[in-house]
Amino acid sequence: MALVKPIIYQVVGYQNSGKTTFLLKLIQVLKKVELKIVTIKHHGHGGCPDVSKQKDSSKHLDAGAAASLVEGEGRIVLQAEDSDWNLDEQIRLMVFFQPDIILIEGHKKQPYPKLLILRNEDDLLLLNNVNNITAVIVWKYALLEQVRGILNVPVFHISEEQSVTEISKQIKKLVHA
């Protein structure tokens, strides 16, 4: 259980760049060293995230409730409606769970340390628009040297499994700093 402010680390890139797949691997590695992890995902596809409209909790929201929480066998599902949940509010909510680490998928413009995933040459624009990049993963081998010439951070090809190990080491150093 975390006794200090959690470390916040982001995984960013455009849609279908592999953020979720990488994050799942990272969570598994960090969980093995007994770090408590919570996640926040930015739903960048437009509209509200999918929820079952048939469930009573969704019906509560439809009737006008500001939030609805369902608990069963140790699992909590929270749904809430607001015009704008900014990232700071989401982080404050997740801090309740006393994590060691808050992993955030998306929210490119936020100031936290982050991994950037680039699928193709068009994504190189993110190198100028994203700050606090601690590592980069590229999908094309041709981008490896190009990115290494621009940033002084570890750069990996998407096929390199050591990328998960390296990023987990970066995060563990932040936790134990």
C-alpha atoms as a PDB file:
ATOM      1  CA  MET A   1       0.000   0.000   0.000  1.00  0.00           C
ATOM      2  CA  ALA A   2       1.409   3.350  -1.014  1.00  0.00           C
ATOM      3  CA  LEU A   3       2.295   5.720   1.804  1.00  0.00           C
ATOM      4  CA  VAL A   4       3.526   8.470  -0.481  1.00  0.00           C
ATOM      5  CA  LYS A   5       2.224  10.315  -3.509  1.00  0.00           C
ATOM      6  CA  PRO A   6       2.024   7.872  -6.429  1.00  0.00           C
ATOM      7  CA  ILE A   7       4.259   8.067  -9.471  1.00  0.00           C
ATOM      8  CA  ILE A   8       2.418   9.052 -12.637  1.00  0.00           C
ATOM      9  CA  TYR A   9       3.602   7.671 -15.983  1.00  0.00           C
ATOM     10  CA  GLN A  10       1.947   7.978 -19.376  1.00  0.00           C
ATOM     11  CA  VAL A  11       1.835   5.894 -22.540  1.00  0.00           C
ATOM     12  CA  VAL A  12       0.903   8.074 -25.509  1.00  0.00           C
ATOM     13  CA  GLY A  13       0.559   7.849 -29.276  1.00  0.00           C
ATOM     14  CA  TYR A  14      -2.106   8.038 -31.916  1.00  0.00           C
ATOM     15  CA  GLN A  15      -5.042   5.624 -32.114  1.00  0.00           C
ATOM     16  CA  ASN A  16      -4.090   2.015 -32.903  1.00  0.00           C
ATOM     17  CA  SER A  17      -0.421   2.602 -32.118  1.00  0.00           C
ATOM     18  CA  GLY A  18      -0.267  -0.196 -29.546  1.00  0.00           C
ATOM     19  CA  LYS A  19      -0.718   1.808 -26.342  1.00  0.00           C
ATOM     20  CA  THR A  20      -3.145  -0.625 -24.712  1.00  0.00           C
ATOM     21  CA  THR A  21      -1.134  -3.705 -25.690  1.00  0.00           C
ATOM     22  CA  PHE A  22       2.050  -2.182 -24.274  1.00  0.00           C
ATOM     23  CA  LEU A  23       0.279  -1.011 -21.128  1.00  0.00           C
ATOM     24  CA  LEU A  24      -1.076  -4.509 -20.457  1.00  0.00           C
ATOM     25  CA  LYS A  25       2.445  -5.961 -20.654  1.00  0.00           C
ATOM     26  CA  LEU A  26       3.812  -3.189 -18.437  1.00  0.00           C
ATOM     27  CA  ILE A  27       1.120  -3.746 -15.802  1.00  0.00           C
ATOM     28  CA  GLN A  28       1.955  -7.462 -15.673  1.00  0.00           C
ATOM     29  CA  VAL A  29       5.675  -6.771 -15.170  1.00  0.00           C
ATOM     30  CA  LEU A  30       5.107  -4.125 -12.482  1.00  0.00           C
ATOM     31  CA  LYS A  31       2.554  -6.306 -10.688  1.00  0.00           C
ATOM     32  CA  LYS A  32       5.176  -9.078 -10.376  1.00  0.00           C
ATOM     33  CA  VAL A  33       7.313  -6.777  -8.212  1.00  0.00           C
ATOM     34  CA  GLU A  34       4.301  -6.103  -5.987  1.00  0.00           C
ATOM     35  CA  LEU A  35       3.647  -2.533  -7.035  1.00  0.00           C
ATOM     36  CA  LYS A  36       0.040  -1.389  -6.762  1.00  0.00           C
ATOM     37  CA  ILE A  37      -1.088   0.032 -10.082  1.00  0.00           C
ATOM     38  CA  VAL A  38      -4.150   1.966 -11.163  1.00  0.00           C
ATOM     39  CA  THR A  39      -4.858   3.139 -14.686  1.00  0.00           C
ATOM     40  CA  ILE A  40      -6.606   6.005 -16.397  1.00  0.00           C
ATOM     41  CA  LYS A  41      -7.491   5.743 -20.068  1.00  0.00           C
ATOM     42  CA  HIS A  42      -8.432   8.677 -22.244  1.00  0.00           C
ATOM     43  CA  HIS A  43     -11.348   7.752 -24.501  1.00  0.00           C
ATOM     44  CA  GLY A  44     -10.230   9.665 -27.550  1.00  0.00           C
ATOM     45  CA  HIS A  45     -12.670   8.179 -30.029  1.00  0.00           C
ATOM     46  CA  GLY A  46     -15.397  10.776 -29.549  1.00  0.00           C
ATOM     47  CA  GLY A  47     -18.550  10.279 -27.549  1.00  0.00           C
ATOM     48  CA  CYS A  48     -18.916   8.588 -24.187  1.00  0.00           C
ATOM     49  CA  PRO A  49     -17.183   5.306 -23.339  1.00  0.00           C
ATOM     50  CA  ASP A  50     -19.334   2.213 -23.807  1.00  0.00           C
ATOM     51  CA  VAL A  51     -21.450   1.124 -20.860  1.00  0.00           C
ATOM     52  CA  SER A  52     -24.340  -1.261 -20.758  1.00  0.00           C
ATOM     53  CA  LYS A  53     -27.528   0.787 -20.864  1.00  0.00           C
ATOM     54  CA  GLN A  54     -29.403  -2.280 -19.609  1.00  0.00           C
ATOM     55  CA  LYS A  55     -27.734  -2.236 -16.186  1.00  0.00           C
ATOM     56  CA  ASP A  56     -29.430  -0.578 -13.230  1.00  0.00           C
ATOM     57  CA  SER A  57     -26.407   1.648 -12.597  1.00  0.00           C
ATOM     58  CA  SER A  58     -26.766   3.156 -16.081  1.00  0.00           C
ATOM     59  CA  LYS A  59     -30.485   3.594 -15.488  1.00  0.00           C
ATOM     60  CA  HIS A  60     -29.648   5.525 -12.301  1.00  0.00           C
ATOM     61  CA  LEU A  61     -27.553   7.938 -14.365  1.00  0.00           C
ATOM     62  CA  ASP A  62     -30.249   8.230 -17.002  1.00  0.00           C
ATOM     63  CA  ALA A  63     -32.712   9.146 -14.240  1.00  0.00           C
ATOM     64  CA  GLY A  64     -30.458  12.000 -13.125  1.00  0.00           C
ATOM     65  CA  ALA A  65     -27.926  10.616 -10.643  1.00  0.00           C
ATOM     66  CA  ALA A  66     -24.536  12.360 -10.831  1.00  0.00           C
ATOM     67  CA  ALA A  67     -22.738   9.063 -10.197  1.00  0.00           C
ATOM     68  CA  SER A  68     -23.512   5.406  -9.651  1.00  0.00           C
ATOM     69  CA  LEU A  69     -21.312   2.813  -7.974  1.00  0.00           C
ATOM     70  CA  VAL A  70     -21.921  -0.928  -8.136  1.00  0.00           C
ATOM     71  CA  GLU A  71     -20.075  -3.347  -5.846  1.00  0.00           C
ATOM     72  CA  GLY A  72     -20.076  -7.104  -5.969  1.00  0.00           C
ATOM     73  CA  GLU A  73     -17.566  -9.679  -4.702  1.00  0.00           C
ATOM     74  CA  GLY A  74     -14.859  -7.056  -4.239  1.00  0.00           C
ATOM     75  CA  ARG A  75     -15.236  -5.373  -7.618  1.00  0.00           C
ATOM     76  CA  ILE A  76     -16.429  -1.789  -7.908  1.00  0.00           C
ATOM     77  CA  VAL A  77     -17.734  -0.240 -11.103  1.00  0.00           C
ATOM     78  CA  LEU A  78     -18.146   3.513 -10.962  1.00  0.00           C
ATOM     79  CA  GLN A  79     -19.968   5.554 -13.569  1.00  0.00           C
ATOM     80  CA  ALA A  80     -20.268   9.297 -13.299  1.00  0.00           C
ATOM     81  CA  GLU A  81     -21.575  12.055 -15.503  1.00  0.00           C
ATOM     82  CA  ASP A  82     -20.016  15.504 -15.654  1.00  0.00           C
ATOM     83  CA  SER A  83     -19.510  17.967 -18.449  1.00  0.00           C
ATOM     84  CA  ASP A  84     -15.728  17.741 -18.185  1.00  0.00           C
ATOM     85  CA  TRP A  85     -13.621  15.407 -16.073  1.00  0.00           C
ATOM     86  CA  ASN A  86     -10.154  16.889 -16.313  1.00  0.00           C
ATOM     87  CA  LEU A  87      -7.136  14.685 -15.737  1.00  0.00           C
ATOM     88  CA  ASP A  88      -6.308  16.209 -12.349  1.00  0.00           C
ATOM     89  CA  GLU A  89      -9.769  15.243 -11.086  1.00  0.00           C
ATOM     90  CA  GLN A  90      -9.359  11.727 -12.448  1.00  0.00           C
ATOM     91  CA  ILE A  91      -5.976  11.422 -10.724  1.00  0.00           C
ATOM     92  CA  ARG A  92      -7.417  12.630  -7.401  1.00  0.00           C
ATOM     93  CA  LEU A  93     -10.127   9.989  -7.701  1.00  0.00           C
ATOM     94  CA  MET A  94      -7.591   7.216  -8.365  1.00  0.00           C
ATOM     95  CA  VAL A  95      -5.334   8.323  -5.470  1.00  0.00           C
ATOM     96  CA  PHE A  96      -8.100   7.049  -3.155  1.00  0.00           C
ATOM     97  CA  PHE A  97      -6.926   3.511  -4.017  1.00  0.00           C
ATOM     98  CA  GLN A  98      -3.440   4.316  -2.632  1.00  0.00           C
ATOM     99  CA  PRO A  99      -1.451   3.148  -5.645  1.00  0.00           C
ATOM    100  CA  ASP A 100       2.305   3.174  -6.070  1.00  0.00           C
ATOM    101  CA  ILE A 101       1.815   4.044  -9.737  1.00  0.00           C
ATOM    102  CA  ILE A 102      -0.871   5.692 -11.831  1.00  0.00           C
ATOM    103  CA  LEU A 103      -0.459   4.646 -15.459  1.00  0.00           C
ATOM    104  CA  ILE A 104      -2.228   6.913 -17.917  1.00  0.00           C
ATOM    105  CA  GLU A 105      -3.051   5.877 -21.457  1.00  0.00           C
ATOM    106  CA  GLY A 106      -3.340   8.976 -23.591  1.00  0.00           C
ATOM    107  CA  HIS A 107      -3.568  12.644 -22.580  1.00  0.00           C
ATOM    108  CA  LYS A 108      -0.563  13.536 -24.774  1.00  0.00           C
ATOM    109  CA  LYS A 109      -0.325  17.163 -23.652  1.00  0.00           C
ATOM    110  CA  GLN A 110       0.043  16.451 -19.927  1.00  0.00           C
ATOM    111  CA  PRO A 111       3.415  17.095 -18.206  1.00  0.00           C
ATOM    112  CA  TYR A 112       4.117  13.645 -16.752  1.00  0.00           C
ATOM    113  CA  PRO A 113       6.970  11.345 -17.831  1.00  0.00           C
ATOM    114  CA  LYS A 114       5.864   9.313 -20.792  1.00  0.00           C
ATOM    115  CA  LEU A 115       6.519   6.647 -23.387  1.00  0.00           C
ATOM    116  CA  LEU A 116       5.714   7.748 -26.939  1.00  0.00           C
ATOM    117  CA  ILE A 117       4.668   5.137 -29.512  1.00  0.00           C
ATOM    118  CA  LEU A 118       5.098   6.045 -33.206  1.00  0.00           C
ATOM    119  CA  ARG A 119       3.527   3.908 -35.956  1.00  0.00           C
ATOM    120  CA  ASN A 120       4.804   5.757 -39.004  1.00  0.00           C
ATOM    121  CA  GLU A 121       6.499   8.872 -40.364  1.00  0.00           C
ATOM    122  CA  ASP A 122       3.347  10.969 -39.942  1.00  0.00           C
ATOM    123  CA  ASP A 123       3.517  10.349 -36.192  1.00  0.00           C
ATOM    124  CA  LEU A 124       6.926  12.068 -35.997  1.00  0.00           C
ATOM    125  CA  LEU A 125       5.017  15.330 -35.456  1.00  0.00           C
ATOM    126  CA  LEU A 126       4.436  14.127 -31.912  1.00  0.00           C
ATOM    127  CA  LEU A 127       8.149  14.541 -31.166  1.00  0.00           C
ATOM    128  CA  ASN A 128       7.582  18.304 -31.274  1.00  0.00           C
ATOM    129  CA  ASN A 129       4.170  18.303 -29.601  1.00  0.00           C
ATOM    130  CA  VAL A 130       4.715  15.960 -26.653  1.00  0.00           C
ATOM    131  CA  ASN A 131       6.883  16.816 -23.652  1.00  0.00           C
ATOM    132  CA  ASN A 132       8.701  14.792 -20.998  1.00  0.00           C
ATOM    133  CA  ILE A 133       9.339  11.791 -23.264  1.00  0.00           C
ATOM    134  CA  THR A 134      11.438   9.177 -21.445  1.00  0.00           C
ATOM    135  CA  ALA A 135      11.384   6.495 -24.173  1.00  0.00           C
ATOM    136  CA  VAL A 136      10.035   5.884 -27.668  1.00  0.00           C
ATOM    137  CA  ILE A 137       8.765   2.782 -29.440  1.00  0.00           C
ATOM    138  CA  VAL A 138       8.592   2.802 -33.251  1.00  0.00           C
ATOM    139  CA  TRP A 139       6.819   0.441 -35.612  1.00  0.00           C
ATOM    140  CA  LYS A 140       9.182   0.976 -38.550  1.00  0.00           C
ATOM    141  CA  TYR A 141      12.865   0.113 -38.407  1.00  0.00           C
ATOM    142  CA  ALA A 142      13.619   3.157 -40.580  1.00  0.00           C
ATOM    143  CA  LEU A 143      12.418   5.401 -37.745  1.00  0.00           C
ATOM    144  CA  LEU A 144      14.842   3.987 -35.144  1.00  0.00           C
ATOM    145  CA  GLU A 145      17.894   6.030 -36.128  1.00  0.00           C
ATOM    146  CA  GLN A 146      15.824   9.047 -37.095  1.00  0.00           C
ATOM    147  CA  VAL A 147      14.279   9.277 -33.617  1.00  0.00           C
ATOM    148  CA  ARG A 148      17.627   8.519 -31.940  1.00  0.00           C
ATOM    149  CA  GLY A 149      19.051  11.516 -33.795  1.00  0.00           C
ATOM    150  CA  ILE A 150      16.336  13.779 -32.408  1.00  0.00           C
ATOM    151  CA  LEU A 151      15.922  12.601 -28.807  1.00  0.00           C
ATOM    152  CA  ASN A 152      18.417  11.384 -26.246  1.00  0.00           C
ATOM    153  CA  VAL A 153      16.157   8.678 -24.785  1.00  0.00           C
ATOM    154  CA  PRO A 154      15.928   4.911 -25.279  1.00  0.00           C
ATOM    155  CA  VAL A 155      14.281   4.045 -28.617  1.00  0.00           C
ATOM    156  CA  PHE A 156      12.956   0.560 -29.342  1.00  0.00           C
ATOM    157  CA  HIS A 157      11.299  -1.261 -32.204  1.00  0.00           C
ATOM    158  CA  ILE A 158       7.809  -2.537 -31.365  1.00  0.00           C
ATOM    159  CA  SER A 159       9.074  -6.139 -31.652  1.00  0.00           C
ATOM    160  CA  GLU A 160      11.714  -5.675 -28.928  1.00  0.00           C
ATOM    161  CA  GLU A 161      10.420  -7.249 -25.731  1.00  0.00           C
ATOM    162  CA  GLN A 162      13.196  -5.500 -23.769  1.00  0.00           C
ATOM    163  CA  SER A 163      11.212  -2.272 -24.167  1.00  0.00           C
ATOM    164  CA  VAL A 164       8.801  -3.439 -21.456  1.00  0.00           C
ATOM    165  CA  THR A 165      11.710  -4.298 -19.159  1.00  0.00           C
ATOM    166  CA  GLU A 166      13.415  -0.944 -19.767  1.00  0.00           C
ATOM    167  CA  ILE A 167      10.269   1.112 -19.180  1.00  0.00           C
ATOM    168  CA  SER A 168       9.473  -0.873 -16.033  1.00  0.00           C
ATOM    169  CA  LYS A 169      13.001  -0.111 -14.769  1.00  0.00           C
ATOM    170  CA  GLN A 170      12.452   3.607 -15.431  1.00  0.00           C
ATOM    171  CA  ILE A 171       9.194   3.503 -13.483  1.00  0.00           C
ATOM    172  CA  LYS A 172      10.654   1.485 -10.583  1.00  0.00           C
ATOM    173  CA  LYS A 173      13.443   4.082 -10.257  1.00  0.00           C
ATOM    174  CA  LEU A 174      10.815   6.811 -10.014  1.00  0.00           C
ATOM    175  CA  VAL A 175       8.896   4.845  -7.364  1.00  0.00           C
ATOM    176  CA  HIS A 176      12.002   4.257  -5.268  1.00  0.00           C
ATOM    177  CA  ALA A 177      13.478   7.753  -5.720  1.00  0.00           C
END
